[in-house]
Amino acid sequence: VQLQASGGGLVQTGDSLRLSCVASGHTFSSYAIGWFRQAPERGREFVAAITWSDGRTSYANSVKDRFTISRDSAKNTVYLQMNTLKPEDTAVYYCAAGHPSIPLVPYEYDHWGQGTLVTVSS
């Protein structure tokens, strides 16, 4: 199982970015794909997740109404559309595959991709 995250960059407050997570090496119909982020000197926190089979979603309160998670089954890719970015969104963003119950904690996810850095300047 391999996950490849991309799409990070340096943006200004209020800008948008779209992160991508390409999955390979496994059939993901029985998984949820989640996005987590980790800012300097902080723990890894849940951002959003989606079930591969039926598209159920879950969001952290801090990103609800600004971020949208979606999937493209044909491309084996999960996207995180991030709008109205704030400096506090600055972090390394990771995608991970876990149980389809959409757990909210990192240790419930079995497979992780490398991170992609998002920096939002004020």
N, C-alpha and C. Protein backbone atom coordinates (compact mmCIF):
# COMPACT_ATOMS: atom_id res chain seq x y z
N VAL A 1 0.84 -1.18 0.00
CA VAL A 1 0.00 0.00 0.00
C VAL A 1 0.88 1.23 0.00
N GLN A 2 0.66 2.09 -0.98
CA GLN A 2 1.45 3.32 -1.06
C GLN A 2 0.54 4.51 -1.26
N LEU A 3 0.85 5.58 -0.55
CA LEU A 3 0.12 6.83 -0.68
C LEU A 3 1.12 7.93 -1.00
N GLN A 4 0.77 8.74 -1.99
CA GLN A 4 1.65 9.82 -2.42
C GLN A 4 0.88 11.14 -2.35
N ALA A 5 1.30 12.01 -1.43
CA ALA A 5 0.65 13.30 -1.27
C ALA A 5 1.41 14.38 -2.02
N SER A 6 0.69 15.34 -2.56
CA SER A 6 1.32 16.44 -3.28
C SER A 6 0.39 17.65 -3.28
N GLY A 7 0.91 18.78 -3.74
CA GLY A 7 0.08 19.97 -3.91
C GLY A 7 0.33 21.09 -2.93
N GLY A 8 1.20 20.88 -1.96
CA GLY A 8 1.49 21.93 -1.00
C GLY A 8 2.25 23.08 -1.64
N GLY A 9 2.37 24.16 -0.88
CA GLY A 9 3.11 25.31 -1.37
C GLY A 9 2.97 26.49 -0.44
N LEU A 10 3.48 27.62 -0.90
CA LEU A 10 3.43 28.88 -0.14
C LEU A 10 2.34 29.75 -0.75
N VAL A 11 1.37 30.13 0.09
CA VAL A 11 0.27 30.98 -0.37
C VAL A 11 0.04 32.08 0.64
N GLN A 12 -0.82 33.01 0.28
CA GLN A 12 -1.17 34.10 1.19
C GLN A 12 -2.52 33.84 1.84
N THR A 13 -2.76 34.52 2.93
CA THR A 13 -4.05 34.41 3.63
C THR A 13 -5.19 34.66 2.65
N GLY A 14 -6.17 33.78 2.69
CA GLY A 14 -7.33 33.89 1.83
C GLY A 14 -7.23 33.12 0.53
N ASP A 15 -6.03 32.64 0.20
CA ASP A 15 -5.83 31.89 -1.03
C ASP A 15 -6.36 30.46 -0.90
N SER A 16 -6.30 29.73 -1.99
CA SER A 16 -6.73 28.33 -2.04
C SER A 16 -5.61 27.43 -2.51
N LEU A 17 -5.69 26.18 -2.11
CA LEU A 17 -4.78 25.13 -2.58
C LEU A 17 -5.57 23.84 -2.68
N ARG A 18 -5.14 22.96 -3.57
CA ARG A 18 -5.73 21.63 -3.62
C ARG A 18 -4.63 20.59 -3.45
N LEU A 19 -4.76 19.79 -2.42
CA LEU A 19 -3.84 18.69 -2.18
C LEU A 19 -4.38 17.42 -2.83
N SER A 20 -3.46 16.58 -3.28
CA SER A 20 -3.83 15.30 -3.88
C SER A 20 -3.14 14.17 -3.13
N CYS A 21 -3.83 13.05 -3.05
CA CYS A 21 -3.26 11.83 -2.45
C CYS A 21 -3.57 10.68 -3.40
N VAL A 22 -2.53 10.18 -4.06
CA VAL A 22 -2.69 9.08 -5.00
C VAL A 22 -2.38 7.77 -4.28
N ALA A 23 -3.31 6.83 -4.37
CA ALA A 23 -3.17 5.54 -3.71
C ALA A 23 -2.82 4.45 -4.73
N SER A 24 -1.95 3.53 -4.34
CA SER A 24 -1.60 2.44 -5.23
C SER A 24 -1.26 1.20 -4.42
N GLY A 25 -1.28 0.06 -5.09
CA GLY A 25 -0.83 -1.17 -4.46
C GLY A 25 -1.90 -1.91 -3.69
N HIS A 26 -3.13 -1.41 -3.71
CA HIS A 26 -4.17 -2.08 -2.94
C HIS A 26 -5.53 -1.61 -3.41
N THR A 27 -6.52 -2.42 -3.19
CA THR A 27 -7.90 -2.02 -3.42
C THR A 27 -8.39 -1.29 -2.18
N PHE A 28 -8.81 -0.06 -2.34
CA PHE A 28 -9.12 0.77 -1.20
C PHE A 28 -10.60 0.83 -0.86
N SER A 29 -11.38 -0.06 -1.43
CA SER A 29 -12.82 -0.01 -1.21
C SER A 29 -13.20 -0.21 0.25
N SER A 30 -12.32 -0.81 1.03
CA SER A 30 -12.64 -1.08 2.44
C SER A 30 -11.96 -0.09 3.38
N TYR A 31 -11.46 1.00 2.84
CA TYR A 31 -10.74 1.97 3.65
C TYR A 31 -11.43 3.33 3.69
N ALA A 32 -11.04 4.10 4.68
CA ALA A 32 -11.23 5.54 4.66
C ALA A 32 -9.87 6.17 4.42
N ILE A 33 -9.86 7.25 3.65
CA ILE A 33 -8.63 8.01 3.42
C ILE A 33 -8.76 9.32 4.17
N GLY A 34 -7.80 9.57 5.02
CA GLY A 34 -7.85 10.77 5.85
C GLY A 34 -6.69 11.70 5.57
N TRP A 35 -6.92 12.97 5.86
CA TRP A 35 -5.86 13.98 5.85
C TRP A 35 -5.61 14.42 7.29
N PHE A 36 -4.35 14.45 7.64
CA PHE A 36 -3.92 14.97 8.93
C PHE A 36 -2.91 16.08 8.67
N ARG A 37 -2.67 16.89 9.68
CA ARG A 37 -1.64 17.91 9.55
C ARG A 37 -0.87 18.03 10.86
N GLN A 38 0.37 18.48 10.70
CA GLN A 38 1.22 18.65 11.87
C GLN A 38 2.00 19.94 11.72
N ALA A 39 1.73 20.86 12.64
CA ALA A 39 2.46 22.12 12.68
C ALA A 39 3.67 21.95 13.59
N PRO A 40 4.66 22.83 13.48
CA PRO A 40 5.85 22.73 14.32
C PRO A 40 5.50 22.69 15.80
N GLU A 41 6.09 21.75 16.51
CA GLU A 41 5.93 21.59 17.94
C GLU A 41 4.50 21.26 18.35
N ARG A 42 3.73 20.71 17.42
CA ARG A 42 2.37 20.28 17.74
C ARG A 42 2.17 18.84 17.27
N GLY A 43 1.19 18.19 17.86
CA GLY A 43 0.88 16.82 17.46
C GLY A 43 0.17 16.77 16.14
N ARG A 44 0.08 15.58 15.59
CA ARG A 44 -0.60 15.39 14.32
C ARG A 44 -2.11 15.43 14.57
N GLU A 45 -2.82 16.26 13.84
CA GLU A 45 -4.25 16.42 14.08
C GLU A 45 -5.07 16.08 12.84
N PHE A 46 -6.25 15.55 13.10
CA PHE A 46 -7.19 15.18 12.06
C PHE A 46 -7.71 16.42 11.34
N VAL A 47 -7.80 16.33 10.01
CA VAL A 47 -8.34 17.42 9.21
C VAL A 47 -9.65 17.00 8.55
N ALA A 48 -9.61 15.92 7.79
CA ALA A 48 -10.80 15.45 7.06
C ALA A 48 -10.57 14.03 6.61
N ALA A 49 -11.66 13.32 6.32
CA ALA A 49 -11.54 11.95 5.81
C ALA A 49 -12.76 11.62 4.96
N ILE A 50 -12.59 10.62 4.12
CA ILE A 50 -13.67 10.18 3.24
C ILE A 50 -13.58 8.66 3.10
N THR A 51 -14.73 8.01 3.09
CA THR A 51 -14.74 6.57 2.86
C THR A 51 -14.69 6.32 1.37
N TRP A 52 -13.86 5.34 0.99
CA TRP A 52 -13.68 5.08 -0.43
C TRP A 52 -14.95 4.49 -1.05
N SER A 53 -15.66 3.68 -0.29
CA SER A 53 -16.79 2.94 -0.86
C SER A 53 -18.00 3.81 -1.14
N ASP A 54 -18.38 4.67 -0.19
CA ASP A 54 -19.62 5.42 -0.36
C ASP A 54 -19.48 6.93 -0.19
N GLY A 55 -18.26 7.41 -0.02
CA GLY A 55 -18.04 8.84 0.00
C GLY A 55 -18.49 9.59 1.23
N ARG A 56 -18.71 8.87 2.34
CA ARG A 56 -19.02 9.58 3.59
C ARG A 56 -17.81 10.41 4.00
N THR A 57 -18.09 11.60 4.54
CA THR A 57 -17.01 12.51 4.90
C THR A 57 -17.11 12.93 6.36
N SER A 58 -15.98 13.39 6.87
CA SER A 58 -15.91 13.94 8.22
C SER A 58 -14.86 15.04 8.20
N TYR A 59 -15.11 16.10 8.96
CA TYR A 59 -14.20 17.24 8.98
C TYR A 59 -13.93 17.68 10.42
N ALA A 60 -12.74 18.20 10.63
CA ALA A 60 -12.46 18.89 11.88
C ALA A 60 -13.22 20.20 11.90
N ASN A 61 -13.64 20.62 13.07
CA ASN A 61 -14.41 21.87 13.18
C ASN A 61 -13.63 23.06 12.64
N SER A 62 -12.32 23.01 12.78
CA SER A 62 -11.48 24.15 12.38
C SER A 62 -11.44 24.36 10.87
N VAL A 63 -11.82 23.34 10.10
CA VAL A 63 -11.74 23.47 8.64
C VAL A 63 -13.10 23.33 7.96
N LYS A 64 -14.10 22.96 8.74
CA LYS A 64 -15.44 22.79 8.17
C LYS A 64 -15.85 24.09 7.49
N ASP A 65 -16.49 24.00 6.36
CA ASP A 65 -16.95 25.14 5.56
C ASP A 65 -15.84 25.81 4.77
N ARG A 66 -14.59 25.42 4.98
CA ARG A 66 -13.48 25.97 4.19
C ARG A 66 -12.80 24.89 3.34
N PHE A 67 -12.73 23.67 3.87
CA PHE A 67 -12.06 22.57 3.18
C PHE A 67 -13.10 21.58 2.68
N THR A 68 -12.80 20.96 1.54
CA THR A 68 -13.67 19.92 0.99
C THR A 68 -12.82 18.73 0.57
N ILE A 69 -13.19 17.56 1.05
CA ILE A 69 -12.50 16.33 0.65
C ILE A 69 -13.34 15.60 -0.37
N SER A 70 -12.69 15.03 -1.36
CA SER A 70 -13.41 14.29 -2.41
C SER A 70 -12.51 13.19 -2.94
N ARG A 71 -13.09 12.29 -3.72
CA ARG A 71 -12.30 11.19 -4.28
C ARG A 71 -12.64 11.00 -5.74
N ASP A 72 -11.67 10.52 -6.48
CA ASP A 72 -11.86 10.14 -7.87
C ASP A 72 -11.43 8.68 -7.98
N SER A 73 -12.40 7.79 -7.99
CA SER A 73 -12.10 6.37 -7.98
C SER A 73 -11.32 5.95 -9.22
N ALA A 74 -11.61 6.55 -10.35
CA ALA A 74 -10.92 6.18 -11.59
C ALA A 74 -9.43 6.50 -11.52
N LYS A 75 -9.08 7.53 -10.77
CA LYS A 75 -7.69 7.94 -10.65
C LYS A 75 -7.07 7.48 -9.34
N ASN A 76 -7.82 6.76 -8.51
CA ASN A 76 -7.33 6.32 -7.20
C ASN A 76 -6.76 7.49 -6.41
N THR A 77 -7.46 8.61 -6.45
CA THR A 77 -6.95 9.84 -5.86
C THR A 77 -7.99 10.47 -4.96
N VAL A 78 -7.52 10.96 -3.82
CA VAL A 78 -8.34 11.75 -2.90
C VAL A 78 -7.80 13.17 -2.90
N TYR A 79 -8.71 14.13 -2.95
CA TYR A 79 -8.34 15.54 -2.99
C TYR A 79 -8.77 16.23 -1.70
N LEU A 80 -8.02 17.25 -1.34
CA LEU A 80 -8.41 18.14 -0.26
C LEU A 80 -8.36 19.56 -0.82
N GLN A 81 -9.53 20.11 -1.11
CA GLN A 81 -9.62 21.48 -1.58
C GLN A 81 -9.66 22.40 -0.37
N MET A 82 -8.69 23.28 -0.29
CA MET A 82 -8.57 24.16 0.87
C MET A 82 -8.79 25.60 0.42
N ASN A 83 -9.84 26.20 0.91
CA ASN A 83 -10.17 27.58 0.56
C ASN A 83 -10.03 28.49 1.77
N THR A 84 -9.95 29.76 1.51
CA THR A 84 -9.86 30.77 2.58
C THR A 84 -8.81 30.37 3.61
N LEU A 85 -7.62 30.09 3.13
CA LEU A 85 -6.55 29.61 4.00
C LEU A 85 -6.13 30.69 4.99
N LYS A 86 -5.76 30.23 6.18
CA LYS A 86 -5.34 31.10 7.27
C LYS A 86 -3.92 30.72 7.70
N PRO A 87 -3.20 31.63 8.33
CA PRO A 87 -1.85 31.28 8.81
C PRO A 87 -1.85 30.06 9.72
N GLU A 88 -2.89 29.87 10.49
CA GLU A 88 -2.95 28.71 11.38
C GLU A 88 -3.15 27.39 10.65
N ASP A 89 -3.39 27.44 9.35
CA ASP A 89 -3.44 26.22 8.54
C ASP A 89 -2.04 25.76 8.12
N THR A 90 -1.03 26.55 8.42
CA THR A 90 0.34 26.19 8.08
C THR A 90 0.74 24.92 8.79
N ALA A 91 1.17 23.92 8.03
CA ALA A 91 1.53 22.61 8.59
C ALA A 91 2.02 21.72 7.46
N VAL A 92 2.58 20.59 7.85
CA VAL A 92 2.81 19.51 6.91
C VAL A 92 1.54 18.66 6.89
N TYR A 93 1.03 18.42 5.70
CA TYR A 93 -0.21 17.66 5.54
C TYR A 93 0.12 16.25 5.06
N TYR A 94 -0.51 15.28 5.72
CA TYR A 94 -0.30 13.87 5.41
C TYR A 94 -1.63 13.22 5.03
N CYS A 95 -1.58 12.28 4.09
CA CYS A 95 -2.75 11.45 3.85
C CYS A 95 -2.47 10.05 4.38
N ALA A 96 -3.54 9.36 4.78
CA ALA A 96 -3.40 8.06 5.40
C ALA A 96 -4.63 7.21 5.11
N ALA A 97 -4.45 5.89 5.14
CA ALA A 97 -5.55 4.96 4.92
C ALA A 97 -5.87 4.25 6.22
N GLY A 98 -7.16 4.20 6.55
CA GLY A 98 -7.55 3.58 7.80
C GLY A 98 -8.92 2.94 7.72
N HIS A 99 -9.44 2.56 8.88
CA HIS A 99 -10.71 1.86 8.97
C HIS A 99 -11.84 2.72 8.41
N PRO A 100 -12.81 2.14 7.72
CA PRO A 100 -13.89 2.92 7.12
C PRO A 100 -14.84 3.57 8.12
N SER A 101 -14.67 3.31 9.40
CA SER A 101 -15.46 4.03 10.41
C SER A 101 -14.99 5.47 10.58
N ILE A 102 -13.96 5.86 9.83
CA ILE A 102 -13.37 7.19 9.88
C ILE A 102 -12.89 7.55 11.29
N PRO A 103 -11.87 6.88 11.76
CA PRO A 103 -11.30 7.27 13.04
C PRO A 103 -10.67 8.65 12.96
N LEU A 104 -10.62 9.31 14.09
CA LEU A 104 -10.13 10.68 14.14
C LEU A 104 -8.73 10.79 14.71
N VAL A 105 -8.12 9.67 15.05
CA VAL A 105 -6.80 9.70 15.67
C VAL A 105 -5.79 9.01 14.77
N PRO A 106 -4.57 9.51 14.73
CA PRO A 106 -3.57 8.99 13.79
C PRO A 106 -3.28 7.50 13.96
N TYR A 107 -3.28 6.99 15.20
CA TYR A 107 -2.87 5.60 15.42
C TYR A 107 -3.88 4.60 14.89
N GLU A 108 -5.05 5.06 14.49
CA GLU A 108 -6.04 4.17 13.89
C GLU A 108 -5.85 4.03 12.38
N TYR A 109 -4.87 4.73 11.83
CA TYR A 109 -4.58 4.66 10.41
C TYR A 109 -3.34 3.81 10.19
N ASP A 110 -3.44 2.90 9.23
CA ASP A 110 -2.40 1.89 9.05
C ASP A 110 -1.32 2.30 8.06
N HIS A 111 -1.68 3.09 7.07
CA HIS A 111 -0.74 3.40 5.99
C HIS A 111 -0.68 4.91 5.80
N TRP A 112 0.53 5.40 5.66
CA TRP A 112 0.75 6.84 5.57
C TRP A 112 1.59 7.18 4.35
N GLY A 113 1.27 8.32 3.77
CA GLY A 113 2.11 8.87 2.73
C GLY A 113 3.10 9.86 3.34
N GLN A 114 4.00 10.34 2.49
CA GLN A 114 4.91 11.39 2.97
C GLN A 114 4.13 12.69 3.04
N GLY A 115 4.60 13.64 3.75
CA GLY A 115 3.87 14.89 3.92
C GLY A 115 4.12 15.87 2.79
N THR A 116 3.21 16.84 2.70
CA THR A 116 3.40 17.96 1.78
C THR A 116 3.18 19.24 2.58
N LEU A 117 4.11 20.18 2.44
CA LEU A 117 4.12 21.36 3.29
C LEU A 117 3.21 22.45 2.71
N VAL A 118 2.34 22.95 3.58
CA VAL A 118 1.50 24.09 3.25
C VAL A 118 1.90 25.25 4.16
N THR A 119 2.26 26.37 3.56
CA THR A 119 2.64 27.55 4.32
C THR A 119 1.74 28.70 3.90
N VAL A 120 1.05 29.28 4.89
CA VAL A 120 0.15 30.40 4.61
C VAL A 120 0.71 31.64 5.27
N SER A 121 1.08 32.61 4.47
CA SER A 121 1.66 33.83 5.01
C SER A 121 0.57 34.85 5.31
N SER A 122 0.82 35.66 6.33
CA SER A 122 -0.18 36.67 6.73
C SER A 122 0.03 37.98 6.00
